[in-house]
Amino acid sequence: MKLIARLRPIQTCTALHEIIGPLQSRSFQPDFVPRDPNANPIRYKYPAAYDPYGPRPPPSDKIVQLAERIAALAPEERRQIGPLLREILRHPNLKQISVAGMDLGAMGGAGGGPAKAEEKKVEKTAFDVKLEKFDAAAKIKVIKEVRSFTSLGLKEAKELVEKAPAILKQGVTKEEANEIIEKIKAVGGVAVME
């Protein structure tokens, strides 16, 4: 009896073995073949400039002669070639992109004279409010007022007020800037619009 009781678990294990197959083991080895440490690295030849369309044949003599004739024309005649070719080949006119209101950084000065004259005509729409000074007795009131129109905490507002002159708010409209200046003035501070 004891022998039969011990054989049953073995039979169930073999039945389980038939259902799921043999247990698989995998040793953790890299999936790549390591390269020979003594081999030299492969040097690839890269072109000086990448051309996705591949190498192009040199231009024909007819094209070279045409390019030379165009280069020999007066500047005024060269300016007329582009629009005429667009019209003949029925290419759409390219529209200029407006850069009004964009910060172009160093590129903004590249335009020259006309761009400078145009900038003077444009009225400033965004202003900064700067706290110049405040009355020492009204320091707490100024800090509370600064917190009311900024999203600063008490500690940050206190540090900002203490390092006056400091910019309180940037990029606000003229009306909002005047309103902030009046509020600061009412509590004993001096603020200016820049």
N, C-alpha and C. Protein backbone atom coordinates (compact mmCIF):
# COMPACT_ATOMS: atom_id res chain seq x y z
N MET A 1 0.80 -1.20 0.00
CA MET A 1 0.00 0.00 0.00
C MET A 1 0.84 1.26 0.00
N LYS A 2 1.89 1.25 0.80
CA LYS A 2 2.73 2.43 0.86
C LYS A 2 3.39 2.68 -0.49
N LEU A 3 3.72 1.61 -1.16
CA LEU A 3 4.39 1.75 -2.44
C LEU A 3 3.46 2.39 -3.48
N ILE A 4 2.21 2.02 -3.49
CA ILE A 4 1.25 2.58 -4.44
C ILE A 4 1.00 4.06 -4.13
N ALA A 5 0.91 4.41 -2.85
CA ALA A 5 0.69 5.80 -2.47
C ALA A 5 1.85 6.68 -2.92
N ARG A 6 3.04 6.12 -2.90
CA ARG A 6 4.20 6.91 -3.32
C ARG A 6 4.30 7.01 -4.85
N LEU A 7 3.77 6.07 -5.56
CA LEU A 7 3.84 6.11 -7.02
C LEU A 7 2.85 7.09 -7.63
N ARG A 8 1.76 7.33 -6.96
CA ARG A 8 0.76 8.24 -7.53
C ARG A 8 1.29 9.64 -7.80
N PRO A 9 1.96 10.28 -6.85
CA PRO A 9 2.49 11.60 -7.17
C PRO A 9 3.45 11.57 -8.35
N ILE A 10 4.17 10.52 -8.52
CA ILE A 10 5.10 10.41 -9.64
C ILE A 10 4.32 10.32 -10.94
N GLN A 11 3.19 9.58 -10.92
CA GLN A 11 2.37 9.46 -12.12
C GLN A 11 1.77 10.82 -12.49
N THR A 12 1.31 11.58 -11.51
CA THR A 12 0.75 12.90 -11.82
C THR A 12 1.83 13.83 -12.35
N CYS A 13 3.04 13.69 -11.86
CA CYS A 13 4.13 14.53 -12.36
C CYS A 13 4.42 14.19 -13.81
N THR A 14 4.40 12.91 -14.16
CA THR A 14 4.66 12.55 -15.56
C THR A 14 3.51 13.02 -16.43
N ALA A 15 2.27 12.98 -15.90
CA ALA A 15 1.14 13.49 -16.68
C ALA A 15 1.29 14.99 -16.90
N LEU A 16 1.73 15.69 -15.87
CA LEU A 16 1.97 17.13 -15.99
C LEU A 16 3.11 17.39 -16.97
N HIS A 17 4.11 16.51 -16.95
CA HIS A 17 5.25 16.63 -17.86
C HIS A 17 4.80 16.48 -19.31
N GLU A 18 3.85 15.61 -19.56
CA GLU A 18 3.35 15.42 -20.92
C GLU A 18 2.57 16.63 -21.40
N ILE A 19 1.86 17.32 -20.47
CA ILE A 19 1.03 18.45 -20.86
C ILE A 19 1.89 19.68 -21.17
N ILE A 20 2.81 20.01 -20.27
CA ILE A 20 3.55 21.26 -20.46
C ILE A 20 4.92 21.07 -21.08
N GLY A 21 5.38 19.88 -21.22
CA GLY A 21 6.70 19.65 -21.82
C GLY A 21 7.79 19.71 -20.77
N PRO A 22 9.00 19.46 -21.20
CA PRO A 22 10.11 19.47 -20.25
C PRO A 22 10.38 20.90 -19.76
N LEU A 23 10.87 21.01 -18.55
CA LEU A 23 11.21 22.32 -18.02
C LEU A 23 12.37 22.89 -18.83
N GLN A 24 12.23 24.15 -19.10
CA GLN A 24 13.27 24.79 -19.90
C GLN A 24 14.16 25.62 -18.99
N SER A 25 15.41 25.58 -19.25
CA SER A 25 16.31 26.44 -18.49
C SER A 25 17.13 27.23 -19.48
N ARG A 26 17.39 28.42 -19.10
CA ARG A 26 18.20 29.28 -19.97
C ARG A 26 19.25 29.95 -19.11
N SER A 27 20.44 29.76 -19.48
CA SER A 27 21.49 30.45 -18.75
C SER A 27 21.58 31.86 -19.34
N PHE A 28 21.86 32.81 -18.51
CA PHE A 28 21.87 34.20 -18.95
C PHE A 28 23.21 34.49 -19.63
N GLN A 29 23.14 34.45 -20.94
CA GLN A 29 24.31 34.74 -21.75
C GLN A 29 23.96 35.84 -22.72
N PRO A 30 24.93 36.59 -23.14
CA PRO A 30 24.62 37.65 -24.10
C PRO A 30 24.16 37.07 -25.43
N ASP A 31 23.27 37.81 -26.09
CA ASP A 31 22.72 37.36 -27.37
C ASP A 31 23.61 37.72 -28.54
N PHE A 32 24.75 38.29 -28.28
CA PHE A 32 25.62 38.65 -29.38
C PHE A 32 26.96 37.94 -29.21
N VAL A 33 27.64 37.87 -30.30
CA VAL A 33 28.96 37.24 -30.28
C VAL A 33 29.96 38.36 -30.01
N PRO A 34 30.75 38.24 -28.95
CA PRO A 34 31.70 39.33 -28.69
C PRO A 34 32.74 39.40 -29.79
N ARG A 35 33.13 40.62 -30.13
CA ARG A 35 34.10 40.78 -31.21
C ARG A 35 35.50 40.46 -30.72
N ASP A 36 36.33 40.25 -31.66
CA ASP A 36 37.71 39.91 -31.35
C ASP A 36 38.39 41.14 -30.75
N PRO A 37 38.93 41.03 -29.53
CA PRO A 37 39.53 42.21 -28.90
C PRO A 37 40.77 42.70 -29.64
N ASN A 38 41.40 41.87 -30.42
CA ASN A 38 42.60 42.27 -31.15
C ASN A 38 42.29 42.88 -32.51
N ALA A 39 41.01 42.81 -32.94
CA ALA A 39 40.65 43.32 -34.27
C ALA A 39 40.63 44.84 -34.25
N ASN A 40 41.02 45.45 -35.36
CA ASN A 40 40.99 46.90 -35.50
C ASN A 40 39.55 47.36 -35.73
N PRO A 41 39.18 48.56 -35.26
CA PRO A 41 37.82 49.05 -35.50
C PRO A 41 37.60 49.29 -36.99
N ILE A 42 36.37 49.12 -37.41
CA ILE A 42 36.03 49.31 -38.83
C ILE A 42 35.95 50.80 -39.10
N ARG A 43 36.62 51.24 -40.13
CA ARG A 43 36.61 52.64 -40.53
C ARG A 43 35.70 52.78 -41.74
N TYR A 44 34.65 53.59 -41.59
CA TYR A 44 33.73 53.82 -42.70
C TYR A 44 34.11 55.11 -43.40
N LYS A 45 33.90 55.15 -44.71
CA LYS A 45 34.17 56.36 -45.47
C LYS A 45 32.87 57.15 -45.59
N TYR A 46 32.87 58.33 -44.99
CA TYR A 46 31.70 59.19 -45.04
C TYR A 46 31.94 60.28 -46.08
N PRO A 47 30.90 60.62 -46.86
CA PRO A 47 31.08 61.72 -47.82
C PRO A 47 31.18 63.05 -47.09
N ALA A 48 31.79 64.04 -47.73
CA ALA A 48 31.95 65.37 -47.13
C ALA A 48 30.59 65.99 -46.86
N ALA A 49 29.63 65.83 -47.76
CA ALA A 49 28.27 66.35 -47.57
C ALA A 49 27.30 65.24 -47.97
N TYR A 50 26.34 64.99 -47.10
CA TYR A 50 25.38 63.92 -47.36
C TYR A 50 24.33 64.40 -48.36
N ASP A 51 24.14 63.64 -49.41
CA ASP A 51 23.12 63.95 -50.42
C ASP A 51 22.17 62.76 -50.47
N PRO A 52 20.91 62.92 -50.03
CA PRO A 52 19.99 61.78 -50.00
C PRO A 52 19.65 61.23 -51.38
N TYR A 53 19.89 62.00 -52.44
CA TYR A 53 19.55 61.54 -53.78
C TYR A 53 20.73 60.87 -54.46
N GLY A 54 21.83 60.73 -53.76
CA GLY A 54 22.99 60.07 -54.35
C GLY A 54 23.82 61.04 -55.16
N PRO A 55 24.89 60.56 -55.74
CA PRO A 55 25.75 61.46 -56.53
C PRO A 55 25.02 61.92 -57.79
N ARG A 56 25.22 63.17 -58.10
CA ARG A 56 24.56 63.74 -59.29
C ARG A 56 25.57 63.89 -60.41
N PRO A 57 25.11 63.73 -61.63
CA PRO A 57 26.04 63.95 -62.74
C PRO A 57 26.35 65.44 -62.86
N PRO A 58 27.51 65.79 -63.40
CA PRO A 58 27.84 67.21 -63.55
C PRO A 58 26.88 67.85 -64.54
N PRO A 59 26.65 69.18 -64.40
CA PRO A 59 25.72 69.84 -65.32
C PRO A 59 26.26 69.82 -66.75
N SER A 60 25.34 69.84 -67.70
CA SER A 60 25.74 69.81 -69.12
C SER A 60 26.34 71.16 -69.50
N ASP A 61 27.00 71.17 -70.67
CA ASP A 61 27.62 72.41 -71.15
C ASP A 61 26.59 73.50 -71.39
N LYS A 62 25.42 73.09 -71.85
CA LYS A 62 24.34 74.05 -72.12
C LYS A 62 23.95 74.77 -70.83
N ILE A 63 23.84 74.02 -69.71
CA ILE A 63 23.46 74.60 -68.42
C ILE A 63 24.57 75.51 -67.90
N VAL A 64 25.82 75.10 -68.07
CA VAL A 64 26.95 75.92 -67.62
C VAL A 64 26.98 77.24 -68.38
N GLN A 65 26.76 77.20 -69.70
CA GLN A 65 26.75 78.41 -70.51
C GLN A 65 25.60 79.34 -70.09
N LEU A 66 24.43 78.74 -69.81
CA LEU A 66 23.28 79.53 -69.38
C LEU A 66 23.56 80.21 -68.04
N ALA A 67 24.18 79.47 -67.11
CA ALA A 67 24.51 80.04 -65.80
C ALA A 67 25.52 81.18 -65.94
N GLU A 68 26.48 81.03 -66.83
CA GLU A 68 27.47 82.09 -67.06
C GLU A 68 26.82 83.33 -67.66
N ARG A 69 25.87 83.13 -68.57
CA ARG A 69 25.18 84.27 -69.18
C ARG A 69 24.33 85.00 -68.15
N ILE A 70 23.69 84.25 -67.25
CA ILE A 70 22.88 84.88 -66.20
C ILE A 70 23.77 85.66 -65.25
N ALA A 71 24.92 85.10 -64.89
CA ALA A 71 25.84 85.77 -63.98
C ALA A 71 26.39 87.06 -64.59
N ALA A 72 26.48 87.12 -65.92
CA ALA A 72 27.02 88.30 -66.60
C ALA A 72 25.99 89.42 -66.72
N LEU A 73 24.72 89.15 -66.44
CA LEU A 73 23.68 90.17 -66.55
C LEU A 73 23.82 91.22 -65.45
N ALA A 74 23.22 92.36 -65.69
CA ALA A 74 23.19 93.43 -64.68
C ALA A 74 22.29 92.98 -63.51
N PRO A 75 22.55 93.48 -62.30
CA PRO A 75 21.74 93.06 -61.14
C PRO A 75 20.24 93.28 -61.32
N GLU A 76 19.85 94.38 -61.97
CA GLU A 76 18.42 94.65 -62.19
C GLU A 76 17.80 93.59 -63.09
N GLU A 77 18.52 93.16 -64.12
CA GLU A 77 18.01 92.12 -65.02
C GLU A 77 17.93 90.77 -64.31
N ARG A 78 18.91 90.49 -63.42
CA ARG A 78 18.89 89.21 -62.67
C ARG A 78 17.67 89.13 -61.75
N ARG A 79 17.27 90.28 -61.18
CA ARG A 79 16.10 90.28 -60.29
C ARG A 79 14.81 89.96 -61.05
N GLN A 80 14.78 90.20 -62.33
CA GLN A 80 13.58 89.95 -63.12
C GLN A 80 13.46 88.48 -63.54
N ILE A 81 14.53 87.72 -63.47
CA ILE A 81 14.51 86.33 -63.93
C ILE A 81 13.60 85.46 -63.06
N GLY A 82 13.71 85.61 -61.74
CA GLY A 82 12.94 84.76 -60.82
C GLY A 82 11.43 84.84 -61.04
N PRO A 83 10.85 86.06 -60.99
CA PRO A 83 9.40 86.16 -61.22
C PRO A 83 8.97 85.67 -62.59
N LEU A 84 9.80 85.94 -63.62
CA LEU A 84 9.45 85.51 -64.97
C LEU A 84 9.44 83.98 -65.06
N LEU A 85 10.45 83.32 -64.48
CA LEU A 85 10.48 81.86 -64.50
C LEU A 85 9.31 81.27 -63.72
N ARG A 86 8.97 81.89 -62.58
CA ARG A 86 7.80 81.40 -61.81
C ARG A 86 6.53 81.48 -62.65
N GLU A 87 6.40 82.56 -63.40
CA GLU A 87 5.21 82.74 -64.23
C GLU A 87 5.18 81.73 -65.37
N ILE A 88 6.32 81.53 -66.04
CA ILE A 88 6.38 80.61 -67.18
C ILE A 88 6.16 79.17 -66.72
N LEU A 89 6.80 78.78 -65.60
CA LEU A 89 6.68 77.41 -65.10
C LEU A 89 5.45 77.19 -64.23
N ARG A 90 4.69 78.26 -64.01
CA ARG A 90 3.45 78.22 -63.22
C ARG A 90 3.70 77.72 -61.78
N HIS A 91 4.78 78.23 -61.16
CA HIS A 91 5.04 77.93 -59.75
C HIS A 91 4.23 78.90 -58.90
N PRO A 92 3.73 78.46 -57.76
CA PRO A 92 2.96 79.38 -56.92
C PRO A 92 3.89 80.43 -56.29
N ASN A 93 3.34 81.62 -56.08
CA ASN A 93 4.12 82.68 -55.44
C ASN A 93 4.31 82.33 -53.97
N LEU A 94 5.52 82.50 -53.49
CA LEU A 94 5.79 82.25 -52.09
C LEU A 94 5.40 83.49 -51.29
N LYS A 95 4.62 83.28 -50.23
CA LYS A 95 4.16 84.40 -49.43
C LYS A 95 5.14 84.64 -48.30
N GLN A 96 5.32 85.91 -47.97
CA GLN A 96 6.23 86.25 -46.88
C GLN A 96 5.56 85.94 -45.56
N ILE A 97 6.36 85.43 -44.63
CA ILE A 97 5.85 85.12 -43.30
C ILE A 97 6.05 86.36 -42.44
N SER A 98 5.00 86.76 -41.76
CA SER A 98 5.08 87.93 -40.90
C SER A 98 5.83 87.57 -39.63
N VAL A 99 6.81 88.39 -39.28
CA VAL A 99 7.57 88.18 -38.07
C VAL A 99 7.24 89.23 -37.01
N ALA A 100 6.14 89.94 -37.22
CA ALA A 100 5.75 90.96 -36.24
C ALA A 100 5.41 90.29 -34.92
N GLY A 101 5.98 90.79 -33.86
CA GLY A 101 5.72 90.25 -32.53
C GLY A 101 6.61 89.08 -32.15
N MET A 102 7.48 88.64 -33.06
CA MET A 102 8.38 87.53 -32.75
C MET A 102 9.71 88.08 -32.24
N ASP A 103 10.30 87.40 -31.28
CA ASP A 103 11.62 87.78 -30.81
C ASP A 103 12.64 87.03 -31.65
N LEU A 104 13.34 87.76 -32.50
CA LEU A 104 14.30 87.14 -33.39
C LEU A 104 15.71 87.15 -32.83
N GLY A 105 15.91 87.76 -31.69
CA GLY A 105 17.22 87.77 -31.06
C GLY A 105 18.24 88.49 -31.92
N ALA A 106 19.38 87.86 -32.16
CA ALA A 106 20.47 88.48 -32.91
C ALA A 106 20.10 88.66 -34.38
N MET A 107 19.17 87.85 -34.90
CA MET A 107 18.81 87.95 -36.31
C MET A 107 18.01 89.21 -36.59
N GLY A 108 17.40 89.82 -35.59
CA GLY A 108 16.56 90.98 -35.80
C GLY A 108 17.31 92.15 -36.40
N GLY A 109 18.60 92.31 -36.10
CA GLY A 109 19.38 93.42 -36.62
C GLY A 109 19.89 93.20 -38.03
N ALA A 110 19.71 92.02 -38.58
CA ALA A 110 20.25 91.71 -39.89
C ALA A 110 19.51 92.43 -41.01
N GLY A 111 18.29 92.88 -40.76
CA GLY A 111 17.47 93.50 -41.80
C GLY A 111 18.01 94.82 -42.29
N GLY A 112 18.56 95.64 -41.41
CA GLY A 112 19.10 96.92 -41.84
C GLY A 112 18.19 98.06 -41.46
N GLY A 113 18.21 99.11 -42.27
CA GLY A 113 17.52 100.36 -41.97
C GLY A 113 16.01 100.28 -41.91
N PRO A 114 15.31 99.72 -42.90
CA PRO A 114 13.85 99.73 -42.88
C PRO A 114 13.26 99.03 -41.65
N ALA A 115 13.91 97.98 -41.19
CA ALA A 115 13.38 97.26 -40.03
C ALA A 115 13.47 98.14 -38.79
N LYS A 116 14.52 98.93 -38.66
CA LYS A 116 14.68 99.82 -37.50
C LYS A 116 13.58 100.87 -37.48
N ALA A 117 13.28 101.46 -38.64
CA ALA A 117 12.24 102.48 -38.72
C ALA A 117 10.88 101.88 -38.39
N GLU A 118 10.66 100.65 -38.80
CA GLU A 118 9.38 100.00 -38.54
C GLU A 118 9.22 99.70 -37.06
N GLU A 119 10.32 99.35 -36.38
CA GLU A 119 10.24 99.04 -34.96
C GLU A 119 9.86 100.27 -34.15
N LYS A 120 10.29 101.45 -34.56
CA LYS A 120 9.97 102.67 -33.83
C LYS A 120 8.49 102.99 -33.90
N LYS A 121 7.84 102.62 -35.00
CA LYS A 121 6.42 102.89 -35.17
C LYS A 121 5.56 101.98 -34.31
N VAL A 122 6.04 100.76 -34.02
CA VAL A 122 5.27 99.79 -33.25
C VAL A 122 5.23 100.23 -31.80
N GLU A 123 4.02 100.32 -31.25
CA GLU A 123 3.87 100.73 -29.86
C GLU A 123 4.09 99.55 -28.93
N LYS A 124 4.74 99.81 -27.83
CA LYS A 124 5.04 98.76 -26.87
C LYS A 124 3.76 98.33 -26.18
N THR A 125 3.53 97.00 -26.09
CA THR A 125 2.30 96.49 -25.49
C THR A 125 2.54 95.75 -24.19
N ALA A 126 3.76 95.27 -23.95
CA ALA A 126 4.06 94.53 -22.72
C ALA A 126 5.05 95.33 -21.89
N PHE A 127 4.74 95.47 -20.61
CA PHE A 127 5.56 96.28 -19.72
C PHE A 127 5.98 95.47 -18.50
N ASP A 128 7.05 95.94 -17.85
CA ASP A 128 7.51 95.34 -16.60
C ASP A 128 7.27 96.34 -15.48
N VAL A 129 6.89 95.83 -14.32
CA VAL A 129 6.70 96.68 -13.15
C VAL A 129 7.86 96.44 -12.21
N LYS A 130 8.55 97.56 -11.83
CA LYS A 130 9.74 97.46 -11.00
C LYS A 130 9.51 98.22 -9.69
N LEU A 131 9.81 97.56 -8.59
CA LEU A 131 9.73 98.19 -7.28
C LEU A 131 11.04 98.94 -7.05
N GLU A 132 10.97 100.27 -6.97
CA GLU A 132 12.17 101.08 -6.78
C GLU A 132 12.58 101.12 -5.31
N LYS A 133 11.66 101.53 -4.45
CA LYS A 133 11.93 101.62 -3.02
C LYS A 133 10.61 101.55 -2.27
N PHE A 134 10.71 101.45 -0.95
CA PHE A 134 9.52 101.41 -0.12
C PHE A 134 9.85 101.99 1.25
N ASP A 135 8.79 102.40 1.95
CA ASP A 135 8.94 102.95 3.30
C ASP A 135 9.19 101.78 4.25
N ALA A 136 10.18 101.89 5.11
CA ALA A 136 10.54 100.80 6.02
C ALA A 136 9.37 100.43 6.93
N ALA A 137 8.55 101.40 7.33
CA ALA A 137 7.41 101.12 8.20
C ALA A 137 6.32 100.37 7.46
N ALA A 138 6.27 100.50 6.13
CA ALA A 138 5.22 99.87 5.34
C ALA A 138 5.69 98.58 4.67
N LYS A 139 6.79 98.00 5.14
CA LYS A 139 7.37 96.82 4.49
C LYS A 139 6.38 95.65 4.45
N ILE A 140 5.68 95.38 5.55
CA ILE A 140 4.74 94.26 5.62
C ILE A 140 3.58 94.48 4.66
N LYS A 141 3.09 95.72 4.57
CA LYS A 141 1.98 96.02 3.66
C LYS A 141 2.42 95.83 2.20
N VAL A 142 3.65 96.23 1.90
CA VAL A 142 4.17 96.08 0.53
C VAL A 142 4.30 94.59 0.20
N ILE A 143 4.79 93.80 1.16
CA ILE A 143 4.93 92.35 0.93
C ILE A 143 3.56 91.72 0.65
N LYS A 144 2.55 92.11 1.45
CA LYS A 144 1.19 91.57 1.25
C LYS A 144 0.65 91.97 -0.12
N GLU A 145 0.91 93.21 -0.52
CA GLU A 145 0.41 93.68 -1.82
C GLU A 145 1.12 92.95 -2.96
N VAL A 146 2.43 92.70 -2.81
CA VAL A 146 3.17 91.96 -3.84
C VAL A 146 2.63 90.55 -3.96
N ARG A 147 2.29 89.93 -2.84
CA ARG A 147 1.72 88.57 -2.88
C ARG A 147 0.35 88.56 -3.55
N SER A 148 -0.39 89.66 -3.46
CA SER A 148 -1.76 89.69 -4.02
C SER A 148 -1.76 89.62 -5.55
N PHE A 149 -0.74 90.18 -6.21
CA PHE A 149 -0.75 90.14 -7.68
C PHE A 149 0.33 89.23 -8.27
N THR A 150 1.09 88.54 -7.43
CA THR A 150 2.01 87.51 -7.92
C THR A 150 1.63 86.19 -7.29
N SER A 151 2.19 85.12 -7.77
CA SER A 151 1.88 83.80 -7.20
C SER A 151 2.99 83.35 -6.26
N LEU A 152 3.65 84.32 -5.60
CA LEU A 152 4.76 84.01 -4.72
C LEU A 152 4.27 83.68 -3.31
N GLY A 153 5.06 82.87 -2.63
CA GLY A 153 4.79 82.59 -1.23
C GLY A 153 5.29 83.73 -0.36
N LEU A 154 5.06 83.64 0.94
CA LEU A 154 5.44 84.71 1.85
C LEU A 154 6.96 84.93 1.85
N LYS A 155 7.72 83.86 1.91
CA LYS A 155 9.18 83.96 1.96
C LYS A 155 9.73 84.57 0.67
N GLU A 156 9.24 84.09 -0.49
CA GLU A 156 9.73 84.60 -1.77
C GLU A 156 9.36 86.07 -1.97
N ALA A 157 8.14 86.44 -1.56
CA ALA A 157 7.71 87.84 -1.69
C ALA A 157 8.56 88.74 -0.79
N LYS A 158 8.86 88.27 0.42
CA LYS A 158 9.68 89.04 1.35
C LYS A 158 11.08 89.25 0.77
N GLU A 159 11.69 88.19 0.21
CA GLU A 159 13.02 88.31 -0.39
C GLU A 159 13.01 89.26 -1.58
N LEU A 160 11.95 89.20 -2.39
CA LEU A 160 11.84 90.07 -3.56
C LEU A 160 11.75 91.53 -3.14
N VAL A 161 10.95 91.83 -2.13
CA VAL A 161 10.78 93.20 -1.66
C VAL A 161 12.08 93.70 -1.03
N GLU A 162 12.76 92.86 -0.28
CA GLU A 162 13.98 93.28 0.40
C GLU A 162 15.13 93.58 -0.56
N LYS A 163 15.13 92.97 -1.74
CA LYS A 163 16.21 93.26 -2.69
C LYS A 163 15.84 94.35 -3.69
N ALA A 164 14.94 95.25 -3.29
CA ALA A 164 14.55 96.37 -4.14
C ALA A 164 15.77 97.21 -4.46
N PRO A 165 15.92 97.75 -5.65
CA PRO A 165 15.00 97.72 -6.79
C PRO A 165 14.98 96.36 -7.48
N ALA A 166 13.78 95.84 -7.70
CA ALA A 166 13.60 94.54 -8.32
C ALA A 166 12.34 94.55 -9.16
N ILE A 167 12.34 93.72 -10.20
CA ILE A 167 11.16 93.62 -11.07
C ILE A 167 10.12 92.73 -10.39
N LEU A 168 8.92 93.28 -10.23
CA LEU A 168 7.85 92.55 -9.56
C LEU A 168 7.08 91.66 -10.53
N LYS A 169 6.76 92.21 -11.70
CA LYS A 169 5.97 91.44 -12.67
C LYS A 169 6.40 91.85 -14.07
N GLN A 170 6.48 90.86 -14.96
CA GLN A 170 6.94 91.12 -16.33
C GLN A 170 5.83 90.83 -17.33
N GLY A 171 5.87 91.55 -18.45
CA GLY A 171 4.97 91.29 -19.57
C GLY A 171 3.51 91.56 -19.29
N VAL A 172 3.21 92.65 -18.58
CA VAL A 172 1.81 92.99 -18.29
C VAL A 172 1.37 94.13 -19.19
N THR A 173 0.07 94.30 -19.33
CA THR A 173 -0.46 95.39 -20.15
C THR A 173 -0.27 96.72 -19.43
N LYS A 174 -0.44 97.81 -20.16
CA LYS A 174 -0.23 99.14 -19.58
C LYS A 174 -1.24 99.40 -18.46
N GLU A 175 -2.50 99.00 -18.67
CA GLU A 175 -3.54 99.22 -17.66
C GLU A 175 -3.22 98.44 -16.39
N GLU A 176 -2.83 97.18 -16.54
CA GLU A 176 -2.51 96.34 -15.39
C GLU A 176 -1.27 96.88 -14.66
N ALA A 177 -0.29 97.36 -15.41
CA ALA A 177 0.91 97.93 -14.80
C ALA A 177 0.56 99.18 -13.99
N ASN A 178 -0.28 100.05 -14.54
CA ASN A 178 -0.70 101.26 -13.81
C ASN A 178 -1.46 100.90 -12.55
N GLU A 179 -2.29 99.87 -12.62
CA GLU A 179 -3.06 99.42 -11.46
C GLU A 179 -2.13 98.92 -10.36
N ILE A 180 -1.11 98.14 -10.73
CA ILE A 180 -0.15 97.62 -9.75
C ILE A 180 0.64 98.77 -9.12
N ILE A 181 1.04 99.74 -9.94
CA ILE A 181 1.80 100.89 -9.43
C ILE A 181 0.97 101.67 -8.42
N GLU A 182 -0.31 101.86 -8.71
CA GLU A 182 -1.20 102.58 -7.78
C GLU A 182 -1.35 101.82 -6.46
N LYS A 183 -1.47 100.49 -6.53
CA LYS A 183 -1.62 99.69 -5.31
C LYS A 183 -0.36 99.77 -4.45
N ILE A 184 0.81 99.70 -5.10
CA ILE A 184 2.08 99.79 -4.36
C ILE A 184 2.23 101.19 -3.74
N LYS A 185 1.82 102.21 -4.49
CA LYS A 185 1.90 103.58 -4.00
C LYS A 185 0.99 103.78 -2.79
N ALA A 186 -0.18 103.14 -2.80
CA ALA A 186 -1.15 103.29 -1.71
C ALA A 186 -0.64 102.70 -0.40
N VAL A 187 0.21 101.68 -0.46
CA VAL A 187 0.70 101.04 0.76
C VAL A 187 2.06 101.58 1.19
N GLY A 188 2.64 102.54 0.45
CA GLY A 188 3.87 103.16 0.87
C GLY A 188 5.11 102.76 0.09
N GLY A 189 4.95 102.27 -1.12
CA GLY A 189 6.09 101.90 -1.96
C GLY A 189 6.14 102.75 -3.21
N VAL A 190 7.27 102.67 -3.91
CA VAL A 190 7.42 103.39 -5.18
C VAL A 190 7.74 102.37 -6.25
N ALA A 191 6.86 102.27 -7.25
CA ALA A 191 7.05 101.34 -8.36
C ALA A 191 7.01 102.11 -9.66
N VAL A 192 7.74 101.63 -10.64
CA VAL A 192 7.76 102.27 -11.95
C VAL A 192 7.49 101.25 -13.05
N MET A 193 7.07 101.76 -14.20
CA MET A 193 6.80 100.90 -15.35
C MET A 193 7.97 101.03 -16.32
N GLU A 194 8.46 99.89 -16.81
CA GLU A 194 9.57 99.90 -17.78
C GLU A 194 9.12 99.33 -19.09
